[in-house]
Amino acid sequence: MTTKETARLVTKAEKLCAQRGARLTPARREVFEILADQTGAIGAYDLLDKLKSAVPNAKPPTIYRALDFLQEQGFVHKITSSNSYVLCSHFDHQHPVQMLICENCGAVQEIQSEGVYDALRKQAEDQGFRVESQTIEAHGICAECA
């Protein structure tokens, strides 16, 4: 991602935080920027290594607190299968999430398939279950690697 695009996303995140009464601290902002520059998902300890260039005394709790905050705000998605994180491409609104994860290069693409969510929600409701959030991970090979 370009520096200009990263700056645009940071500004957008700061505005949303201000509207919500949340605070994008320097460490949270730095983690957000690192995630914005990634082409794929990244693990917490790799994030920590990158964060240390800007915050030399950063420790694991620093990164996990920042990631928790960014997830709560909807800025970041956790890729459960790889225990890694990726910046949300539509963080200005809540939405069901489907992730396409390349097994070869690690690229992650976020898509929105409302039909998938609607079918899941309907089946869950038929079982008396209320879906509060949904993330689907699909693993395969991306167009670049195919």
C-alpha atoms as a PDB file:
ATOM      1  CA  MET A   1       0.000   0.000   0.000  1.00  0.00           C
ATOM      2  CA  THR A   2       1.267   3.492  -0.756  1.00  0.00           C
ATOM      3  CA  THR A   3       2.206   5.928   1.974  1.00  0.00           C
ATOM      4  CA  LYS A   4      -0.618   8.188   0.778  1.00  0.00           C
ATOM      5  CA  GLU A   5      -3.171   5.352   1.032  1.00  0.00           C
ATOM      6  CA  THR A   6      -1.904   4.372   4.496  1.00  0.00           C
ATOM      7  CA  ALA A   7      -2.212   8.011   5.630  1.00  0.00           C
ATOM      8  CA  ARG A   8      -5.776   8.138   4.262  1.00  0.00           C
ATOM      9  CA  LEU A   9      -6.722   4.992   6.191  1.00  0.00           C
ATOM     10  CA  VAL A  10      -5.127   6.281   9.405  1.00  0.00           C
ATOM     11  CA  THR A  11      -7.060   9.554   9.081  1.00  0.00           C
ATOM     12  CA  LYS A  12     -10.276   7.598   8.526  1.00  0.00           C
ATOM     13  CA  ALA A  13      -9.561   5.424  11.586  1.00  0.00           C
ATOM     14  CA  GLU A  14      -8.777   8.488  13.720  1.00  0.00           C
ATOM     15  CA  LYS A  15     -12.092  10.095  12.728  1.00  0.00           C
ATOM     16  CA  LEU A  16     -14.006   6.940  13.571  1.00  0.00           C
ATOM     17  CA  CYS A  17     -12.243   6.679  16.940  1.00  0.00           C
ATOM     18  CA  ALA A  18     -13.098  10.316  17.723  1.00  0.00           C
ATOM     19  CA  GLN A  19     -16.763   9.685  16.833  1.00  0.00           C
ATOM     20  CA  ARG A  20     -16.812   6.609  19.068  1.00  0.00           C
ATOM     21  CA  GLY A  21     -14.983   8.212  21.979  1.00  0.00           C
ATOM     22  CA  ALA A  22     -12.049   5.816  21.534  1.00  0.00           C
ATOM     23  CA  ARG A  23      -8.386   6.747  21.436  1.00  0.00           C
ATOM     24  CA  LEU A  24      -5.935   5.726  18.736  1.00  0.00           C
ATOM     25  CA  THR A  25      -2.775   5.873  20.855  1.00  0.00           C
ATOM     26  CA  PRO A  26       0.647   6.116  19.173  1.00  0.00           C
ATOM     27  CA  ALA A  27       1.261   2.358  19.626  1.00  0.00           C
ATOM     28  CA  ARG A  28      -2.181   1.473  18.251  1.00  0.00           C
ATOM     29  CA  ARG A  29      -1.638   3.828  15.335  1.00  0.00           C
ATOM     30  CA  GLU A  30       1.762   2.311  14.581  1.00  0.00           C
ATOM     31  CA  VAL A  31       0.310  -1.232  14.607  1.00  0.00           C
ATOM     32  CA  PHE A  32      -2.501  -0.018  12.325  1.00  0.00           C
ATOM     33  CA  GLU A  33       0.070   1.448   9.921  1.00  0.00           C
ATOM     34  CA  ILE A  34       2.124  -1.750   9.905  1.00  0.00           C
ATOM     35  CA  LEU A  35      -1.007  -3.766   9.104  1.00  0.00           C
ATOM     36  CA  ALA A  36      -1.946  -1.292   6.359  1.00  0.00           C
ATOM     37  CA  ASP A  37       1.422  -1.903   4.697  1.00  0.00           C
ATOM     38  CA  GLN A  38       1.047  -5.719   4.710  1.00  0.00           C
ATOM     39  CA  THR A  39      -0.107  -7.633   1.648  1.00  0.00           C
ATOM     40  CA  GLY A  40      -1.097 -10.658   3.709  1.00  0.00           C
ATOM     41  CA  ALA A  41      -1.821 -11.564   7.276  1.00  0.00           C
ATOM     42  CA  ILE A  42       0.898 -11.161   9.878  1.00  0.00           C
ATOM     43  CA  GLY A  43       1.386 -12.821  13.257  1.00  0.00           C
ATOM     44  CA  ALA A  44       1.554 -10.919  16.528  1.00  0.00           C
ATOM     45  CA  TYR A  45       5.262 -11.571  17.104  1.00  0.00           C
ATOM     46  CA  ASP A  46       6.159 -10.477  13.573  1.00  0.00           C
ATOM     47  CA  LEU A  47       4.100  -7.338  14.228  1.00  0.00           C
ATOM     48  CA  LEU A  48       6.001  -6.861  17.474  1.00  0.00           C
ATOM     49  CA  ASP A  49       9.336  -7.078  15.648  1.00  0.00           C
ATOM     50  CA  LYS A  50       8.188  -4.394  13.198  1.00  0.00           C
ATOM     51  CA  LEU A  51       6.728  -2.258  15.987  1.00  0.00           C
ATOM     52  CA  LYS A  52      10.058  -2.253  17.835  1.00  0.00           C
ATOM     53  CA  SER A  53      11.588  -0.056  15.129  1.00  0.00           C
ATOM     54  CA  ALA A  54       9.169   2.724  16.167  1.00  0.00           C
ATOM     55  CA  VAL A  55       8.621   1.727  19.816  1.00  0.00           C
ATOM     56  CA  PRO A  56      11.880   0.087  20.972  1.00  0.00           C
ATOM     57  CA  ASN A  57      10.552  -0.929  24.401  1.00  0.00           C
ATOM     58  CA  ALA A  58       7.408  -2.639  22.999  1.00  0.00           C
ATOM     59  CA  LYS A  59       6.621  -5.981  24.627  1.00  0.00           C
ATOM     60  CA  PRO A  60       4.069  -8.709  23.758  1.00  0.00           C
ATOM     61  CA  PRO A  61       1.340  -7.139  25.947  1.00  0.00           C
ATOM     62  CA  THR A  62       1.744  -3.911  23.941  1.00  0.00           C
ATOM     63  CA  ILE A  63       0.993  -5.650  20.669  1.00  0.00           C
ATOM     64  CA  TYR A  64      -1.860  -7.742  22.067  1.00  0.00           C
ATOM     65  CA  ARG A  65      -3.544  -4.713  23.675  1.00  0.00           C
ATOM     66  CA  ALA A  66      -3.230  -2.802  20.394  1.00  0.00           C
ATOM     67  CA  LEU A  67      -4.631  -5.750  18.413  1.00  0.00           C
ATOM     68  CA  ASP A  68      -7.524  -6.174  20.862  1.00  0.00           C
ATOM     69  CA  PHE A  69      -8.394  -2.496  20.486  1.00  0.00           C
ATOM     70  CA  LEU A  70      -8.119  -2.587  16.693  1.00  0.00           C
ATOM     71  CA  GLN A  71     -10.341  -5.688  16.567  1.00  0.00           C
ATOM     72  CA  GLU A  72     -12.920  -4.102  18.887  1.00  0.00           C
ATOM     73  CA  GLN A  73     -13.060  -1.080  16.588  1.00  0.00           C
ATOM     74  CA  GLY A  74     -13.475  -3.330  13.539  1.00  0.00           C
ATOM     75  CA  PHE A  75     -10.192  -2.171  11.971  1.00  0.00           C
ATOM     76  CA  VAL A  76      -8.576  -5.617  12.012  1.00  0.00           C
ATOM     77  CA  HIS A  77      -9.664  -9.194  11.367  1.00  0.00           C
ATOM     78  CA  LYS A  78      -8.040 -12.159  13.033  1.00  0.00           C
ATOM     79  CA  ILE A  79      -7.258 -15.093  10.748  1.00  0.00           C
ATOM     80  CA  THR A  80      -7.916 -17.880  13.221  1.00  0.00           C
ATOM     81  CA  SER A  81      -6.423 -20.695  11.143  1.00  0.00           C
ATOM     82  CA  SER A  82      -2.996 -19.029  11.131  1.00  0.00           C
ATOM     83  CA  ASN A  83      -3.350 -16.958  14.325  1.00  0.00           C
ATOM     84  CA  SER A  84      -2.543 -13.831  12.352  1.00  0.00           C
ATOM     85  CA  TYR A  85      -4.105 -10.454  11.619  1.00  0.00           C
ATOM     86  CA  VAL A  86      -5.073  -8.415   8.577  1.00  0.00           C
ATOM     87  CA  LEU A  87      -6.413  -4.884   8.180  1.00  0.00           C
ATOM     88  CA  CYS A  88     -10.140  -4.774   7.408  1.00  0.00           C
ATOM     89  CA  SER A  89     -10.842  -3.312   3.995  1.00  0.00           C
ATOM     90  CA  HIS A  90     -14.289  -1.975   5.016  1.00  0.00           C
ATOM     91  CA  PHE A  91     -13.750  -0.892   8.605  1.00  0.00           C
ATOM     92  CA  ASP A  92     -16.188   2.007   8.474  1.00  0.00           C
ATOM     93  CA  HIS A  93     -19.136  -0.385   8.930  1.00  0.00           C
ATOM     94  CA  GLN A  94     -19.868  -3.768  10.508  1.00  0.00           C
ATOM     95  CA  HIS A  95     -20.202  -6.584   7.987  1.00  0.00           C
ATOM     96  CA  PRO A  96     -19.944 -10.330   7.620  1.00  0.00           C
ATOM     97  CA  VAL A  97     -16.436 -11.366   6.651  1.00  0.00           C
ATOM     98  CA  GLN A  98     -15.164 -13.909   4.191  1.00  0.00           C
ATOM     99  CA  MET A  99     -11.422 -14.227   3.713  1.00  0.00           C
ATOM    100  CA  LEU A 100      -9.680 -15.787   0.715  1.00  0.00           C
ATOM    101  CA  ILE A 101      -6.265 -16.979   1.920  1.00  0.00           C
ATOM    102  CA  CYS A 102      -3.588 -18.101  -0.530  1.00  0.00           C
ATOM    103  CA  GLU A 103      -1.777 -21.202   0.711  1.00  0.00           C
ATOM    104  CA  ASN A 104       1.180 -20.413  -1.536  1.00  0.00           C
ATOM    105  CA  CYS A 105       2.032 -16.724  -0.970  1.00  0.00           C
ATOM    106  CA  GLY A 106      -0.080 -15.924   2.097  1.00  0.00           C
ATOM    107  CA  ALA A 107      -2.033 -13.106   0.431  1.00  0.00           C
ATOM    108  CA  VAL A 108      -5.387 -12.417   2.049  1.00  0.00           C
ATOM    109  CA  GLN A 109      -8.335 -10.918   0.215  1.00  0.00           C
ATOM    110  CA  GLU A 110     -11.472  -9.860   2.054  1.00  0.00           C
ATOM    111  CA  ILE A 111     -14.743 -10.311   0.202  1.00  0.00           C
ATOM    112  CA  GLN A 112     -18.358  -9.701   1.135  1.00  0.00           C
ATOM    113  CA  SER A 113     -20.892 -12.273   0.013  1.00  0.00           C
ATOM    114  CA  GLU A 114     -24.197 -11.269   1.546  1.00  0.00           C
ATOM    115  CA  GLY A 115     -25.861 -14.447   0.248  1.00  0.00           C
ATOM    116  CA  VAL A 116     -23.457 -16.570   2.293  1.00  0.00           C
ATOM    117  CA  TYR A 117     -24.238 -14.606   5.448  1.00  0.00           C
ATOM    118  CA  ASP A 118     -27.989 -14.653   4.801  1.00  0.00           C
ATOM    119  CA  ALA A 119     -27.990 -18.432   4.345  1.00  0.00           C
ATOM    120  CA  LEU A 120     -25.908 -18.947   7.500  1.00  0.00           C
ATOM    121  CA  ARG A 121     -28.090 -16.586   9.538  1.00  0.00           C
ATOM    122  CA  LYS A 122     -31.293 -18.284   8.327  1.00  0.00           C
ATOM    123  CA  GLN A 123     -30.016 -21.762   9.163  1.00  0.00           C
ATOM    124  CA  ALA A 124     -28.819 -20.573  12.564  1.00  0.00           C
ATOM    125  CA  GLU A 125     -32.180 -18.934  13.320  1.00  0.00           C
ATOM    126  CA  ASP A 126     -33.926 -22.185  12.371  1.00  0.00           C
ATOM    127  CA  GLN A 127     -31.860 -23.771  15.151  1.00  0.00           C
ATOM    128  CA  GLY A 128     -32.741 -21.018  17.635  1.00  0.00           C
ATOM    129  CA  PHE A 129     -29.258 -19.518  17.365  1.00  0.00           C
ATOM    130  CA  ARG A 130     -28.510 -15.821  16.868  1.00  0.00           C
ATOM    131  CA  VAL A 131     -25.357 -15.043  14.866  1.00  0.00           C
ATOM    132  CA  GLU A 132     -23.542 -12.013  16.311  1.00  0.00           C
ATOM    133  CA  SER A 133     -20.518 -12.084  14.029  1.00  0.00           C
ATOM    134  CA  GLN A 134     -19.317 -14.249  11.193  1.00  0.00           C
ATOM    135  CA  THR A 135     -15.931 -14.871   9.628  1.00  0.00           C
ATOM    136  CA  ILE A 136     -15.345 -17.522   6.998  1.00  0.00           C
ATOM    137  CA  GLU A 137     -11.826 -18.483   5.932  1.00  0.00           C
ATOM    138  CA  ALA A 138     -11.379 -20.089   2.528  1.00  0.00           C
ATOM    139  CA  HIS A 139      -7.918 -21.475   1.754  1.00  0.00           C
ATOM    140  CA  GLY A 140      -6.691 -22.004  -1.789  1.00  0.00           C
ATOM    141  CA  ILE A 141      -4.462 -20.506  -4.459  1.00  0.00           C
ATOM    142  CA  CYS A 142      -4.722 -16.846  -5.558  1.00  0.00           C
ATOM    143  CA  ALA A 143      -4.745 -15.687  -9.182  1.00  0.00           C
ATOM    144  CA  GLU A 144      -1.098 -14.545  -8.963  1.00  0.00           C
ATOM    145  CA  CYS A 145       0.063 -18.011  -7.853  1.00  0.00           C
ATOM    146  CA  ALA A 146      -2.239 -20.076 -10.074  1.00  0.00           C
END
